[in-house]
Amino acid sequence: GGGVMDWISVKERLPEPWETVLLWGHGEAVSGYLADNGLFVDHRWGQFFTATHWMIPEPPGVEVEE
């Protein structure tokens, strides 16, 4: 795994509703989610965000010891 994550066009497919994803639009990346009405919401302002691309954020590569 690892490497560069790929942005996914909203025209290709959409993330699962309410799943936290990174949204790209207006020349910036923000954390947000897809609401039930099919619109993206920006976590920071709680406002609708017009995204052209999105990606699932990759958690830090931390080794967990049982």
C-alpha atoms as a PDB file:
ATOM      1  CA  GLY A   1       0.000   0.000   0.000  1.00  0.00           C
ATOM      2  CA  GLY A   2       0.966   3.596   0.493  1.00  0.00           C
ATOM      3  CA  GLY A   3       1.941   5.983  -2.219  1.00  0.00           C
ATOM      4  CA  VAL A   4      -0.121   8.775  -3.657  1.00  0.00           C
ATOM      5  CA  MET A   5      -3.847   8.606  -3.127  1.00  0.00           C
ATOM      6  CA  ASP A   6      -6.015   9.299  -6.122  1.00  0.00           C
ATOM      7  CA  TRP A   7      -8.759  11.889  -6.173  1.00  0.00           C
ATOM      8  CA  ILE A   8     -12.064  10.438  -7.372  1.00  0.00           C
ATOM      9  CA  SER A   9     -14.305  12.545  -9.582  1.00  0.00           C
ATOM     10  CA  VAL A  10     -17.812  13.062  -8.248  1.00  0.00           C
ATOM     11  CA  LYS A  11     -18.963  12.163 -11.762  1.00  0.00           C
ATOM     12  CA  GLU A  12     -17.445   8.693 -11.395  1.00  0.00           C
ATOM     13  CA  ARG A  13     -18.850   7.791  -8.010  1.00  0.00           C
ATOM     14  CA  LEU A  14     -19.733   9.259  -4.639  1.00  0.00           C
ATOM     15  CA  PRO A  15     -18.612   8.318  -1.132  1.00  0.00           C
ATOM     16  CA  GLU A  16     -20.900   6.604   1.348  1.00  0.00           C
ATOM     17  CA  PRO A  17     -23.242   9.094   3.048  1.00  0.00           C
ATOM     18  CA  TRP A  18     -21.949  10.497   6.358  1.00  0.00           C
ATOM     19  CA  GLU A  19     -18.475   9.013   5.794  1.00  0.00           C
ATOM     20  CA  THR A  20     -15.716  11.526   6.506  1.00  0.00           C
ATOM     21  CA  VAL A  21     -13.784  12.204   3.314  1.00  0.00           C
ATOM     22  CA  LEU A  22     -11.520  14.867   1.881  1.00  0.00           C
ATOM     23  CA  LEU A  23     -13.313  17.147  -0.544  1.00  0.00           C
ATOM     24  CA  TRP A  24     -11.656  19.137  -3.322  1.00  0.00           C
ATOM     25  CA  GLY A  25     -13.263  22.258  -4.751  1.00  0.00           C
ATOM     26  CA  HIS A  26     -12.705  26.002  -5.052  1.00  0.00           C
ATOM     27  CA  GLY A  27      -8.961  25.305  -5.181  1.00  0.00           C
ATOM     28  CA  GLU A  28      -8.790  23.826  -1.697  1.00  0.00           C
ATOM     29  CA  ALA A  29      -9.156  20.528   0.126  1.00  0.00           C
ATOM     30  CA  VAL A  30     -11.490  20.342   3.104  1.00  0.00           C
ATOM     31  CA  SER A  31     -12.798  17.652   5.409  1.00  0.00           C
ATOM     32  CA  GLY A  32     -16.473  16.922   4.927  1.00  0.00           C
ATOM     33  CA  TYR A  33     -19.125  14.364   4.139  1.00  0.00           C
ATOM     34  CA  LEU A  34     -21.949  13.536   1.760  1.00  0.00           C
ATOM     35  CA  ALA A  35     -25.384  14.276   3.222  1.00  0.00           C
ATOM     36  CA  ASP A  36     -28.528  12.276   2.527  1.00  0.00           C
ATOM     37  CA  ASN A  37     -29.694  14.897   0.046  1.00  0.00           C
ATOM     38  CA  GLY A  38     -26.674  14.216  -2.175  1.00  0.00           C
ATOM     39  CA  LEU A  39     -24.871  17.439  -1.285  1.00  0.00           C
ATOM     40  CA  PHE A  40     -21.446  17.699   0.303  1.00  0.00           C
ATOM     41  CA  VAL A  41     -21.082  19.479   3.645  1.00  0.00           C
ATOM     42  CA  ASP A  42     -17.886  21.155   4.848  1.00  0.00           C
ATOM     43  CA  HIS A  43     -16.997  20.093   8.401  1.00  0.00           C
ATOM     44  CA  ARG A  44     -15.373  23.429   9.208  1.00  0.00           C
ATOM     45  CA  TRP A  45     -18.338  25.697   8.491  1.00  0.00           C
ATOM     46  CA  GLY A  46     -21.161  23.181   8.352  1.00  0.00           C
ATOM     47  CA  GLN A  47     -22.151  24.609   4.998  1.00  0.00           C
ATOM     48  CA  PHE A  48     -22.758  23.003   1.637  1.00  0.00           C
ATOM     49  CA  PHE A  49     -19.561  22.627  -0.363  1.00  0.00           C
ATOM     50  CA  THR A  50     -19.357  22.263  -4.135  1.00  0.00           C
ATOM     51  CA  ALA A  51     -16.767  19.519  -4.615  1.00  0.00           C
ATOM     52  CA  THR A  52     -15.437  18.244  -7.922  1.00  0.00           C
ATOM     53  CA  HIS A  53     -13.344  15.425  -6.422  1.00  0.00           C
ATOM     54  CA  TRP A  54     -13.043  13.513  -3.171  1.00  0.00           C
ATOM     55  CA  MET A  55     -10.880  10.853  -1.524  1.00  0.00           C
ATOM     56  CA  ILE A  56     -10.959   8.668   1.541  1.00  0.00           C
ATOM     57  CA  PRO A  57      -8.311   9.979   3.950  1.00  0.00           C
ATOM     58  CA  GLU A  58      -5.602   7.487   4.852  1.00  0.00           C
ATOM     59  CA  PRO A  59      -4.946   7.180   8.580  1.00  0.00           C
ATOM     60  CA  PRO A  60      -1.363   7.586   9.820  1.00  0.00           C
ATOM     61  CA  GLY A  61       0.793   4.515   9.318  1.00  0.00           C
ATOM     62  CA  VAL A  62       1.007   3.587  12.959  1.00  0.00           C
ATOM     63  CA  GLU A  63       1.927   0.041  13.875  1.00  0.00           C
ATOM     64  CA  VAL A  64      -0.428  -1.302  16.505  1.00  0.00           C
ATOM     65  CA  GLU A  65       0.929  -3.939  18.867  1.00  0.00           C
ATOM     66  CA  GLU A  66      -1.516  -6.386  20.367  1.00  0.00           C
END
